[in-house]
Amino acid sequence: MKKVIGVVVILAIGAAAWWYFSGGDSNANTDMFLRTAVVSKGDLVVSISSTGSIEPVEQVEVKSKASGEIMELPIQEGDIVKKGQLIARLDRTTAQNDYDQAQADYTVAEATVEQQKKELDRQQSLFDKKLASEFDLDNARLAYDQAKAQLVRSKSTLSTAKERLDDTEIHAPIDGVVLTRPVEVGQIISSGTTTVTGGTLLCTIANMSRVYVVADVDETDIGKVKVGMPARITPDAYPDQEFDGKVLRISPLAKVEQNVTMFEVTTMVDNLNAMLLSGMNATVEVVMAQSQNTMLLPARAVEMRPLPAKPDMADSSRGERPQPMAEAAASGGGQRPSGPGGNPSGQKWGHRGGGHMGPAVQVMKNGIKEWVPIKTGLSNLDNIEVLSGLNVGDTVVYSLVSGSLQQREEFRDRMRERSAVPGMKRSGS
């Protein structure tokens, strides 16, 4: 019984979906509508989007020059440390003994030098008075030189012992945050300078005031990206916040993943509020061009048409003349335009200057559709900038569409808005 009810429910849902997407009745399927768009003001951004990960600009792996047992480890992962701050202390018994012995040897060497200097002066005085031989004077001078040499060796040994003693205390080399701390108090570590293994890693410290975002850009778009271009970074953790950055470098070497050729683009981002953490995923939007407070139309409302034969084709009420053919966005044949509305205004479209093509839209005038040439600027997949030829508030008509298709598109747009993935957005105005 439960299986029968389940089948009935599924069939009912399928029938409802078919009825909705088919327009609900036969009239909605067969009726045709013209899309309309109103010229509006807004901002237009032309950009390339990619995803990447956040990495610190400066990251240091801290190791000890000395070996021994960790006696003190006053840091934890996530702690903020300053340059010179104590982060670990090792057992210093052996190092302290070596230093004390070296200090004693140095003291003896200093006393010996002083004593041999006095003896040399005494032998020199006796030699001057003919009371000592030249042999005795030479021996005194040799003993003095040997004492000075011993003092130098003792001083060097003392300096080495002092350095080894100081190495038992490890201090932070940079300001930053502790990313990792893989050791614990009581663990015996090896030196990072005297072992072939490279020593034991004590911790990793990163300066997070500025971070990198490394993203992969497809080879079809990499030619449009330049060093210094502004970028907008949207972390997945903060989908409603944007961080400003700029393109720092573009990798000269491509990498191929699943037969797709990609180039690494590194973007520098200020992180003064410390919200961005190492390893976060983020969407990088490299802004190639942008225009603010400009007239906008849906890009699909603009078509390339043959330019009018007369330079003053534009409606005189607009006070604007059509753009020269050299400013058209593309070139093509000089065929008479066809499509919805035709050319009811009776204006001549044809071979002007070799049949140049230009952007144009259909505007409703007194219930009649009329092709109007326009000058366009920036464009992305959604909108196009109108520089002249139209005014804010003008209504443009384009492309016939059935009622069912219009309903499906409206339903798709609503579902896309509801199911937007955090951190991902469409590039547009």
Protein backbone atom coordinates (compact mmCIF):
# COMPACT_ATOMS: atom_id res chain seq x y z
CA MET A 1 0.00 0.00 0.00
CA LYS A 2 2.82 2.41 0.90
CA LYS A 3 4.53 1.70 -2.44
CA VAL A 4 1.32 2.51 -4.33
CA ILE A 5 0.94 5.84 -2.47
CA GLY A 6 4.59 6.70 -3.21
CA VAL A 7 4.12 6.04 -6.93
CA VAL A 8 0.99 8.19 -6.99
CA VAL A 9 2.82 11.08 -5.27
CA ILE A 10 5.71 10.89 -7.74
CA LEU A 11 3.31 10.87 -10.71
CA ALA A 12 1.46 13.88 -9.29
CA ILE A 13 4.68 15.85 -8.82
CA GLY A 14 5.81 14.98 -12.36
CA ALA A 15 2.49 16.07 -13.81
CA ALA A 16 2.61 19.37 -11.91
CA ALA A 17 6.14 20.03 -13.11
CA TRP A 18 5.17 19.25 -16.72
CA TRP A 19 2.17 21.55 -16.47
CA TYR A 20 4.28 24.37 -14.98
CA PHE A 21 7.12 24.18 -17.48
CA SER A 22 4.72 23.78 -20.37
CA GLY A 23 3.09 27.07 -19.38
CA GLY A 24 0.00 25.62 -17.70
CA ASP A 25 -2.14 25.71 -20.84
CA SER A 26 -1.84 25.59 -24.57
CA ASN A 27 -2.27 29.34 -24.97
CA ALA A 28 0.84 30.08 -22.84
CA ASN A 29 2.83 27.71 -25.02
CA THR A 30 1.78 29.28 -28.28
CA ASP A 31 1.72 32.96 -27.31
CA MET A 32 4.86 34.82 -28.26
CA PHE A 33 6.26 37.76 -26.33
CA LEU A 34 8.93 40.35 -26.99
CA ARG A 35 11.54 40.79 -24.35
CA THR A 36 11.93 44.36 -23.16
CA ALA A 37 14.67 46.15 -21.29
CA VAL A 38 14.86 49.64 -19.84
CA VAL A 39 18.06 51.64 -20.08
CA SER A 40 19.28 52.16 -16.52
CA LYS A 41 22.22 53.62 -14.64
CA GLY A 42 24.67 51.41 -12.83
CA ASP A 43 28.21 50.15 -12.48
CA LEU A 44 29.73 47.71 -14.95
CA VAL A 45 32.68 45.48 -14.14
CA VAL A 46 34.55 43.37 -16.68
CA SER A 47 36.46 40.71 -14.80
CA ILE A 48 37.81 37.18 -14.73
CA SER A 49 36.96 34.97 -11.77
CA SER A 50 38.86 32.02 -10.40
CA THR A 51 39.27 30.19 -7.12
CA GLY A 52 42.42 29.86 -5.06
CA SER A 53 43.83 29.53 -1.57
CA ILE A 54 45.21 32.10 0.85
CA GLU A 55 48.90 31.88 1.76
CA PRO A 56 51.02 34.10 4.03
CA VAL A 57 53.53 36.45 2.46
CA GLU A 58 56.23 35.65 5.02
CA GLN A 59 56.44 32.23 6.66
CA VAL A 60 59.34 30.87 8.72
CA GLU A 61 60.03 27.36 9.97
CA VAL A 62 61.77 27.76 13.34
CA LYS A 63 64.44 25.20 14.28
CA SER A 64 67.07 25.15 17.00
CA LYS A 65 70.81 25.40 16.42
CA ALA A 66 71.30 23.47 19.67
CA SER A 67 70.28 19.93 20.56
CA GLY A 68 68.74 18.83 23.81
CA GLU A 69 65.59 18.44 25.85
CA ILE A 70 62.83 21.05 25.69
CA MET A 71 62.39 22.48 29.18
CA GLU A 72 60.00 25.32 28.39
CA LEU A 73 57.61 25.95 25.49
CA PRO A 74 55.47 29.05 26.22
CA ILE A 75 53.57 29.19 22.89
CA GLN A 76 50.50 27.54 21.39
CA GLU A 77 49.14 27.34 17.88
CA GLY A 78 47.34 30.55 17.04
CA ASP A 79 49.39 32.72 19.44
CA ILE A 80 50.57 36.09 18.17
CA VAL A 81 54.29 36.57 18.81
CA LYS A 82 56.68 39.49 18.43
CA LYS A 83 60.18 39.37 17.01
CA GLY A 84 62.64 38.39 19.78
CA GLN A 85 59.99 36.82 22.00
CA LEU A 86 61.01 33.58 23.78
CA ILE A 87 59.30 30.60 22.18
CA ALA A 88 61.35 27.68 23.60
CA ARG A 89 64.09 26.96 26.16
CA LEU A 90 66.28 23.84 26.12
CA ASP A 91 68.19 22.09 28.88
CA ARG A 92 71.29 24.26 29.28
CA THR A 93 73.31 22.22 31.79
CA THR A 94 76.03 21.09 29.36
CA ALA A 95 76.15 24.43 27.57
CA GLN A 96 76.41 26.28 30.89
CA ASN A 97 79.29 24.04 32.04
CA ASP A 98 81.16 24.60 28.79
CA TYR A 99 80.69 28.32 29.12
CA ASP A 100 81.91 28.42 32.72
CA GLN A 101 85.01 26.44 31.79
CA ALA A 102 85.72 28.67 28.82
CA GLN A 103 85.28 31.73 31.03
CA ALA A 104 87.81 30.34 33.53
CA ASP A 105 90.34 29.52 30.80
CA TYR A 106 89.98 33.04 29.44
CA THR A 107 90.60 34.55 32.86
CA VAL A 108 93.77 32.46 33.25
CA ALA A 109 94.93 33.44 29.78
CA GLU A 110 94.50 37.13 30.60
CA ALA A 111 96.53 36.73 33.79
CA THR A 112 99.24 34.82 31.91
CA VAL A 113 99.57 37.56 29.31
CA GLU A 114 99.93 40.16 32.03
CA GLN A 115 102.56 38.07 33.83
CA GLN A 116 104.57 37.38 30.66
CA LYS A 117 104.47 41.06 29.79
CA LYS A 118 106.07 41.93 33.12
CA GLU A 119 108.69 39.24 32.65
CA LEU A 120 109.53 40.54 29.19
CA ASP A 121 109.94 44.08 30.55
CA ARG A 122 112.21 42.80 33.31
CA GLN A 123 114.39 40.83 30.91
CA GLN A 124 114.59 43.85 28.62
CA SER A 125 115.78 46.02 31.53
CA LEU A 126 118.41 43.46 32.56
CA PHE A 127 119.57 43.10 28.97
CA ASP A 128 119.95 46.87 28.68
CA LYS A 129 122.15 46.83 31.80
CA LYS A 130 124.23 43.95 30.40
CA LEU A 131 122.90 41.75 33.25
CA ALA A 132 120.92 39.30 31.03
CA SER A 133 121.83 37.51 27.85
CA GLU A 134 120.08 37.90 24.53
CA PHE A 135 118.91 34.28 24.83
CA ASP A 136 116.99 35.07 28.04
CA LEU A 137 115.38 38.08 26.37
CA ASP A 138 114.32 36.00 23.37
CA ASN A 139 112.77 33.36 25.62
CA ALA A 140 110.82 36.02 27.52
CA ARG A 141 109.55 37.52 24.24
CA LEU A 142 108.52 34.04 23.01
CA ALA A 143 106.66 33.28 26.25
CA TYR A 144 104.82 36.59 25.96
CA ASP A 145 103.77 35.87 22.37
CA GLN A 146 102.58 32.39 23.32
CA ALA A 147 100.52 33.85 26.18
CA LYS A 148 98.85 36.29 23.80
CA ALA A 149 98.06 33.47 21.38
CA GLN A 150 96.52 31.45 24.17
CA LEU A 151 94.41 34.47 25.10
CA VAL A 152 93.07 34.65 21.55
CA ARG A 153 92.19 30.94 21.60
CA SER A 154 90.53 31.28 24.98
CA LYS A 155 88.51 34.24 23.79
CA SER A 156 87.34 32.31 20.73
CA THR A 157 86.37 29.30 22.83
CA LEU A 158 84.51 31.55 25.24
CA SER A 159 82.62 33.19 22.37
CA THR A 160 81.60 29.79 20.97
CA ALA A 161 80.49 28.60 24.39
CA LYS A 162 78.47 31.78 24.88
CA GLU A 163 76.76 31.29 21.50
CA ARG A 164 75.90 27.69 22.33
CA LEU A 165 74.51 28.79 25.67
CA ASP A 166 72.40 31.44 23.97
CA ASP A 167 71.19 28.88 21.43
CA THR A 168 69.42 27.00 24.20
CA GLU A 169 66.87 29.83 24.13
CA ILE A 170 64.96 30.12 20.85
CA HIS A 171 63.33 33.45 20.01
CA ALA A 172 60.79 34.42 17.36
CA PRO A 173 62.58 35.60 14.18
CA ILE A 174 59.60 37.68 12.93
CA ASP A 175 56.33 39.18 14.09
CA GLY A 176 53.47 36.88 13.28
CA VAL A 177 51.11 34.14 14.33
CA VAL A 178 52.08 30.57 15.28
CA LEU A 179 50.64 28.27 12.61
CA THR A 180 52.04 24.94 13.84
CA ARG A 181 53.83 23.65 16.95
CA PRO A 182 54.58 19.95 16.49
CA VAL A 183 56.76 19.48 19.64
CA GLU A 184 56.05 19.26 23.36
CA VAL A 185 57.88 19.95 26.60
CA GLY A 186 60.24 17.08 27.45
CA GLN A 187 60.91 16.15 23.85
CA ILE A 188 64.55 15.84 22.79
CA ILE A 189 65.26 17.70 19.59
CA SER A 190 68.17 17.63 17.17
CA SER A 191 70.14 20.59 15.90
CA GLY A 192 69.19 22.18 12.61
CA THR A 193 72.83 22.91 11.69
CA THR A 194 74.78 19.84 12.73
CA THR A 195 72.48 17.01 11.57
CA VAL A 196 71.90 15.79 8.03
CA THR A 197 68.15 15.56 8.66
CA GLY A 198 67.85 19.32 8.98
CA GLY A 199 66.91 19.30 12.64
CA THR A 200 63.60 19.18 14.49
CA LEU A 201 60.89 21.67 13.57
CA LEU A 202 59.81 23.61 16.65
CA CYS A 203 57.08 25.76 15.11
CA THR A 204 55.98 27.65 12.02
CA ILE A 205 55.41 31.41 12.27
CA ALA A 206 53.75 33.47 9.55
CA ASN A 207 53.33 37.19 9.10
CA MET A 208 49.64 37.52 8.17
CA SER A 209 49.46 41.32 7.80
CA ARG A 210 49.60 40.73 4.05
CA VAL A 211 48.68 37.50 2.30
CA TYR A 212 48.80 35.95 -1.13
CA VAL A 213 45.90 34.42 -2.98
CA VAL A 214 47.16 31.96 -5.56
CA ALA A 215 44.52 31.13 -8.18
CA ASP A 216 44.58 29.14 -11.42
CA VAL A 217 43.45 31.03 -14.54
CA ASP A 218 42.58 29.29 -17.80
CA GLU A 219 44.92 29.90 -20.73
CA THR A 220 42.06 31.45 -22.72
CA ASP A 221 41.87 34.28 -20.17
CA ILE A 222 45.49 34.64 -19.05
CA GLY A 223 46.34 36.99 -21.91
CA LYS A 224 43.89 39.54 -20.49
CA VAL A 225 45.46 39.55 -17.04
CA LYS A 226 48.27 42.03 -16.35
CA VAL A 227 50.47 42.65 -13.33
CA GLY A 228 49.09 45.51 -11.24
CA MET A 229 45.43 44.97 -12.16
CA PRO A 230 43.04 45.44 -9.22
CA ALA A 231 41.37 42.38 -7.80
CA ARG A 232 38.53 41.58 -5.47
CA ILE A 233 38.87 38.64 -3.10
CA THR A 234 35.84 36.98 -1.55
CA PRO A 235 36.73 34.27 1.00
CA ASP A 236 34.37 31.34 1.30
CA ALA A 237 34.36 32.00 5.06
CA TYR A 238 33.05 35.55 4.51
CA PRO A 239 30.85 35.41 1.40
CA ASP A 240 29.43 38.89 2.04
CA GLN A 241 32.79 40.66 2.37
CA GLU A 242 35.25 41.70 -0.32
CA PHE A 243 38.95 42.40 0.18
CA ASP A 244 40.89 44.63 -2.19
CA GLY A 245 44.10 43.39 -3.77
CA LYS A 246 46.15 43.56 -6.92
CA VAL A 247 47.84 41.12 -9.26
CA LEU A 248 51.43 40.65 -8.08
CA ARG A 249 52.78 38.13 -10.56
CA ILE A 250 51.77 35.72 -13.28
CA SER A 251 53.51 32.37 -13.55
CA PRO A 252 55.44 32.02 -16.82
CA LEU A 253 55.03 28.24 -16.71
CA ALA A 254 51.70 26.57 -17.35
CA LYS A 255 50.43 23.48 -15.59
CA VAL A 256 48.04 20.96 -17.08
CA GLU A 257 45.31 19.41 -14.94
CA GLN A 258 42.81 17.02 -16.52
CA ASN A 259 43.80 18.23 -20.00
CA VAL A 260 43.15 21.87 -19.02
CA THR A 261 46.05 24.31 -19.24
CA MET A 262 46.18 26.75 -16.33
CA PHE A 263 48.49 29.52 -15.15
CA GLU A 264 49.00 30.52 -11.52
CA VAL A 265 48.12 34.14 -10.79
CA THR A 266 49.29 35.52 -7.44
CA THR A 267 47.31 38.36 -5.89
CA MET A 268 48.52 40.45 -2.94
CA VAL A 269 45.89 41.29 -0.32
CA ASP A 270 46.11 43.50 2.78
CA ASN A 271 44.96 41.65 5.89
CA LEU A 272 45.25 44.33 8.56
CA ASN A 273 42.15 43.10 10.40
CA ALA A 274 43.58 39.54 10.50
CA MET A 275 40.35 38.03 9.17
CA LEU A 276 42.06 36.03 6.43
CA LEU A 277 43.71 32.83 7.63
CA SER A 278 46.26 30.66 5.90
CA GLY A 279 44.70 27.92 3.78
CA MET A 280 41.29 29.57 3.34
CA ASN A 281 39.63 29.14 -0.04
CA ALA A 282 38.63 32.31 -1.84
CA THR A 283 37.24 33.57 -5.13
CA VAL A 284 39.53 35.97 -6.97
CA GLU A 285 37.93 38.43 -9.36
CA VAL A 286 40.56 40.22 -11.45
CA VAL A 287 39.06 43.51 -12.61
CA MET A 288 40.20 44.22 -16.16
CA ALA A 289 38.00 47.28 -16.64
CA GLN A 290 35.12 49.01 -14.90
CA SER A 291 32.78 51.91 -15.44
CA GLN A 292 30.72 53.61 -12.75
CA ASN A 293 27.30 55.26 -12.99
CA THR A 294 26.95 54.53 -16.68
CA MET A 295 23.99 53.58 -18.90
CA LEU A 296 23.44 49.82 -19.06
CA LEU A 297 21.51 47.40 -21.23
CA PRO A 298 21.36 43.59 -21.35
CA ALA A 299 24.11 42.50 -23.71
CA ARG A 300 21.74 40.27 -25.70
CA ALA A 301 19.56 43.30 -26.54
CA VAL A 302 22.30 44.74 -28.77
CA GLU A 303 22.82 43.42 -32.29
CA MET A 304 25.37 44.18 -34.97
CA ARG A 305 23.56 45.81 -37.88
CA PRO A 306 24.66 47.57 -41.09
CA LEU A 307 25.16 51.26 -40.37
CA PRO A 308 22.52 53.65 -41.78
CA ALA A 309 23.18 55.37 -45.06
CA LYS A 310 22.59 58.81 -43.56
CA PRO A 311 24.82 60.16 -40.80
CA ASP A 312 21.88 61.91 -39.15
CA MET A 313 19.76 58.82 -38.77
CA ALA A 314 19.43 59.15 -35.01
CA ASP A 315 16.23 60.65 -33.69
CA SER A 316 16.63 64.41 -33.61
CA SER A 317 14.86 64.55 -30.29
CA ARG A 318 17.85 62.79 -28.75
CA GLY A 319 20.31 65.41 -29.85
CA GLU A 320 22.89 62.77 -30.67
CA ARG A 321 24.22 61.66 -34.02
CA PRO A 322 25.19 58.05 -34.77
CA GLN A 323 28.78 57.09 -34.27
CA PRO A 324 31.12 56.87 -37.25
CA MET A 325 31.56 53.50 -38.80
CA ALA A 326 35.17 53.32 -37.62
CA GLU A 327 33.90 53.16 -34.05
CA ALA A 328 31.69 50.15 -34.64
CA ALA A 329 32.46 47.12 -32.57
CA ALA A 330 32.79 44.79 -35.57
CA SER A 331 32.64 44.73 -39.35
CA GLY A 332 30.50 42.61 -41.64
CA GLY A 333 28.29 42.48 -44.71
CA GLY A 334 25.86 45.18 -45.73
CA GLN A 335 22.66 43.15 -45.84
CA ARG A 336 19.34 44.70 -45.01
CA PRO A 337 18.40 43.88 -41.39
CA SER A 338 15.81 41.26 -40.76
CA GLY A 339 14.11 39.91 -37.73
CA PRO A 340 11.34 41.14 -35.41
CA GLY A 341 10.09 44.53 -36.46
CA GLY A 342 12.02 44.70 -39.74
CA ASN A 343 12.62 48.35 -40.64
CA PRO A 344 9.21 50.08 -40.48
CA SER A 345 10.78 53.52 -40.20
CA GLY A 346 11.80 53.30 -43.84
CA GLN A 347 15.36 54.39 -43.12
CA LYS A 348 18.02 53.07 -45.42
CA TRP A 349 20.40 50.46 -44.04
CA GLY A 350 23.04 49.38 -46.47
CA HIS A 351 26.54 49.61 -47.80
CA ARG A 352 27.97 52.74 -46.29
CA GLY A 353 31.73 52.98 -46.41
CA GLY A 354 32.12 49.39 -47.50
CA GLY A 355 29.22 47.91 -45.54
CA HIS A 356 30.49 48.47 -42.00
CA MET A 357 28.47 46.97 -39.21
CA GLY A 358 27.66 48.65 -35.93
CA PRO A 359 25.78 48.03 -32.69
CA ALA A 360 22.08 48.86 -32.73
CA VAL A 361 18.92 48.25 -30.72
CA GLN A 362 15.21 48.32 -31.43
CA VAL A 363 13.30 51.09 -29.68
CA MET A 364 9.53 51.43 -29.53
CA LYS A 365 8.39 54.77 -31.04
CA ASN A 366 4.68 55.39 -31.24
CA GLY A 367 4.03 51.69 -31.19
CA ILE A 368 6.51 51.03 -34.00
CA LYS A 369 9.86 49.28 -33.57
CA GLU A 370 12.74 51.26 -34.96
CA TRP A 371 16.43 50.34 -35.20
CA VAL A 372 18.64 52.91 -33.50
CA PRO A 373 22.44 52.84 -33.79
CA ILE A 374 24.30 53.25 -30.51
CA LYS A 375 27.83 53.60 -29.33
CA THR A 376 28.84 50.95 -26.82
CA GLY A 377 31.65 50.66 -24.32
CA LEU A 378 32.50 47.90 -21.87
CA SER A 379 30.63 44.63 -21.95
CA ASN A 380 30.49 41.38 -20.02
CA LEU A 381 28.29 38.31 -20.28
CA ASP A 382 25.32 40.10 -18.74
CA ASN A 383 25.35 43.82 -19.54
CA ILE A 384 26.79 46.28 -22.01
CA GLU A 385 27.65 49.94 -21.54
CA VAL A 386 25.79 52.46 -23.73
CA LEU A 387 27.85 55.58 -24.40
CA SER A 388 25.41 57.37 -26.70
CA GLY A 389 22.33 56.86 -28.83
CA LEU A 390 19.93 56.19 -25.94
CA ASN A 391 18.72 57.90 -22.80
CA VAL A 392 18.01 56.56 -19.34
CA GLY A 393 14.47 55.20 -19.24
CA ASP A 394 14.28 54.24 -22.92
CA THR A 395 12.63 50.89 -23.55
CA VAL A 396 14.38 48.48 -25.87
CA VAL A 397 12.71 45.38 -27.35
CA TYR A 398 14.50 42.29 -28.55
CA SER A 399 14.01 38.61 -29.44
CA LEU A 400 10.68 36.87 -29.54
CA VAL A 401 10.16 34.24 -26.86
CA SER A 402 7.33 31.85 -26.08
CA GLY A 403 5.40 32.08 -22.85
CA SER A 404 6.66 28.71 -21.66
CA LEU A 405 10.28 29.68 -22.29
CA GLN A 406 9.79 32.95 -20.46
CA GLN A 407 8.32 31.11 -17.47
CA ARG A 408 11.17 28.62 -17.44
CA GLU A 409 13.76 31.41 -17.51
CA GLU A 410 12.05 33.26 -14.69
CA PHE A 411 11.85 30.06 -12.65
CA ARG A 412 15.53 29.29 -13.36
CA ASP A 413 16.57 32.79 -12.28
CA ARG A 414 14.64 32.48 -9.02
CA MET A 415 16.17 29.08 -8.26
CA ARG A 416 19.65 30.34 -9.10
CA GLU A 417 19.26 33.22 -6.65
CA ARG A 418 18.01 30.91 -3.91
CA SER A 419 20.72 28.31 -4.43
CA ALA A 420 23.67 30.70 -4.75
CA VAL A 421 26.83 29.03 -3.43
CA PRO A 422 28.62 31.12 -0.73
CA GLY A 423 31.76 32.68 -2.08
CA MET A 424 30.69 32.34 -5.72
CA LYS A 425 29.01 35.12 -7.65
CA ARG A 426 28.31 36.19 -11.18
CA SER A 427 30.40 38.95 -12.68
CA GLY A 428 28.29 41.91 -13.64
CA SER A 429 27.13 45.31 -12.67
